Amino acid sequence: MHDHSADVEWLMPKLLHTDYYTEPTIQELAAKERAEPGFCHRVKDFWLDAVAMDASSFLERHSGA
């Protein structure tokens, strides 16, 4: 049997600058993906922001593609 939870951390995006953050957090997304495989394909109200910049939001379903 394939262990999906082992792949989750590898699949999660990496924020390369410490002033960037997401809402929900990458850790929260990873936990939800482990609990509900496929969750990250249907995230609603996802935010990507930087401390000193305006936020970019994805308020509709976003597949990451």
C-alpha atoms as a PDB file:
ATOM      1  CA  MET A   1       0.000   0.000   0.000  1.00  0.00           C
ATOM      2  CA  HIS A   2       1.282   3.461  -0.914  1.00  0.00           C
ATOM      3  CA  ASP A   3       1.828   5.840   2.022  1.00  0.00           C
ATOM      4  CA  HIS A   4       0.349   9.154   0.814  1.00  0.00           C
ATOM      5  CA  SER A   5       1.358  10.949   4.015  1.00  0.00           C
ATOM      6  CA  ALA A   6       5.045  10.393   3.228  1.00  0.00           C
ATOM      7  CA  ASP A   7       4.609  12.296  -0.061  1.00  0.00           C
ATOM      8  CA  VAL A   8       2.750  15.259   1.427  1.00  0.00           C
ATOM      9  CA  GLU A   9       5.764  17.218   2.690  1.00  0.00           C
ATOM     10  CA  TRP A  10       7.515  16.789  -0.644  1.00  0.00           C
ATOM     11  CA  LEU A  11       4.438  18.116  -2.490  1.00  0.00           C
ATOM     12  CA  MET A  12       3.916  21.205  -0.347  1.00  0.00           C
ATOM     13  CA  PRO A  13       5.116  24.540  -1.736  1.00  0.00           C
ATOM     14  CA  LYS A  14       8.212  26.069  -0.202  1.00  0.00           C
ATOM     15  CA  LEU A  15       8.212  29.754   0.672  1.00  0.00           C
ATOM     16  CA  LEU A  16      11.719  30.958  -0.075  1.00  0.00           C
ATOM     17  CA  HIS A  17      11.551  34.243   1.842  1.00  0.00           C
ATOM     18  CA  THR A  18      10.716  34.523   5.528  1.00  0.00           C
ATOM     19  CA  ASP A  19       8.437  37.516   4.972  1.00  0.00           C
ATOM     20  CA  TYR A  20       6.012  35.436   2.888  1.00  0.00           C
ATOM     21  CA  TYR A  21       3.171  33.491   4.459  1.00  0.00           C
ATOM     22  CA  THR A  22       0.015  31.669   3.444  1.00  0.00           C
ATOM     23  CA  GLU A  23      -3.407  31.408   4.978  1.00  0.00           C
ATOM     24  CA  PRO A  24      -4.083  28.618   5.731  1.00  0.00           C
ATOM     25  CA  THR A  25      -0.467  27.874   6.595  1.00  0.00           C
ATOM     26  CA  ILE A  26       1.555  25.326   4.649  1.00  0.00           C
ATOM     27  CA  GLN A  27       1.592  23.164   7.805  1.00  0.00           C
ATOM     28  CA  GLU A  28      -2.224  23.310   8.036  1.00  0.00           C
ATOM     29  CA  LEU A  29      -2.536  22.390   4.357  1.00  0.00           C
ATOM     30  CA  ALA A  30      -0.154  19.450   4.834  1.00  0.00           C
ATOM     31  CA  ALA A  31      -2.140  18.199   7.844  1.00  0.00           C
ATOM     32  CA  LYS A  32      -5.429  18.429   5.915  1.00  0.00           C
ATOM     33  CA  GLU A  33      -3.877  16.662   2.904  1.00  0.00           C
ATOM     34  CA  ARG A  34      -2.643  13.823   5.136  1.00  0.00           C
ATOM     35  CA  ALA A  35      -6.101  13.488   6.726  1.00  0.00           C
ATOM     36  CA  GLU A  36      -8.042  13.922   3.455  1.00  0.00           C
ATOM     37  CA  PRO A  37      -5.951  12.944   0.406  1.00  0.00           C
ATOM     38  CA  GLY A  38      -6.765  15.306  -2.457  1.00  0.00           C
ATOM     39  CA  PHE A  39      -7.697  18.196  -0.146  1.00  0.00           C
ATOM     40  CA  CYS A  40      -5.114  20.524  -1.731  1.00  0.00           C
ATOM     41  CA  HIS A  41      -6.897  20.181  -5.060  1.00  0.00           C
ATOM     42  CA  ARG A  42      -9.945  21.917  -3.627  1.00  0.00           C
ATOM     43  CA  VAL A  43      -8.652  24.607  -1.226  1.00  0.00           C
ATOM     44  CA  LYS A  44     -10.990  27.567  -0.849  1.00  0.00           C
ATOM     45  CA  ASP A  45      -9.973  31.057   0.301  1.00  0.00           C
ATOM     46  CA  PHE A  46      -6.220  30.534  -0.058  1.00  0.00           C
ATOM     47  CA  TRP A  47      -4.033  33.586   0.598  1.00  0.00           C
ATOM     48  CA  LEU A  48      -0.409  34.220  -0.266  1.00  0.00           C
ATOM     49  CA  ASP A  49       0.990  37.359   1.301  1.00  0.00           C
ATOM     50  CA  ALA A  50       4.209  39.109   2.206  1.00  0.00           C
ATOM     51  CA  VAL A  51       4.595  41.258   5.288  1.00  0.00           C
ATOM     52  CA  ALA A  52       5.435  44.418   3.304  1.00  0.00           C
ATOM     53  CA  MET A  53       3.217  43.804   0.239  1.00  0.00           C
ATOM     54  CA  ASP A  54      -0.418  43.477  -0.779  1.00  0.00           C
ATOM     55  CA  ALA A  55      -1.964  40.035  -0.512  1.00  0.00           C
ATOM     56  CA  SER A  56      -2.800  37.795  -3.434  1.00  0.00           C
ATOM     57  CA  SER A  57      -5.878  35.732  -2.805  1.00  0.00           C
ATOM     58  CA  PHE A  58      -7.492  32.771  -4.477  1.00  0.00           C
ATOM     59  CA  LEU A  59     -11.086  33.029  -3.265  1.00  0.00           C
ATOM     60  CA  GLU A  60     -12.460  30.437  -5.646  1.00  0.00           C
ATOM     61  CA  ARG A  61     -11.403  26.839  -6.035  1.00  0.00           C
ATOM     62  CA  HIS A  62      -7.787  26.685  -7.066  1.00  0.00           C
ATOM     63  CA  SER A  63      -6.091  23.594  -8.416  1.00  0.00           C
ATOM     64  CA  GLY A  64      -2.577  24.998  -8.476  1.00  0.00           C
ATOM     65  CA  ALA A  65      -2.388  24.381 -12.219  1.00  0.00           C
END
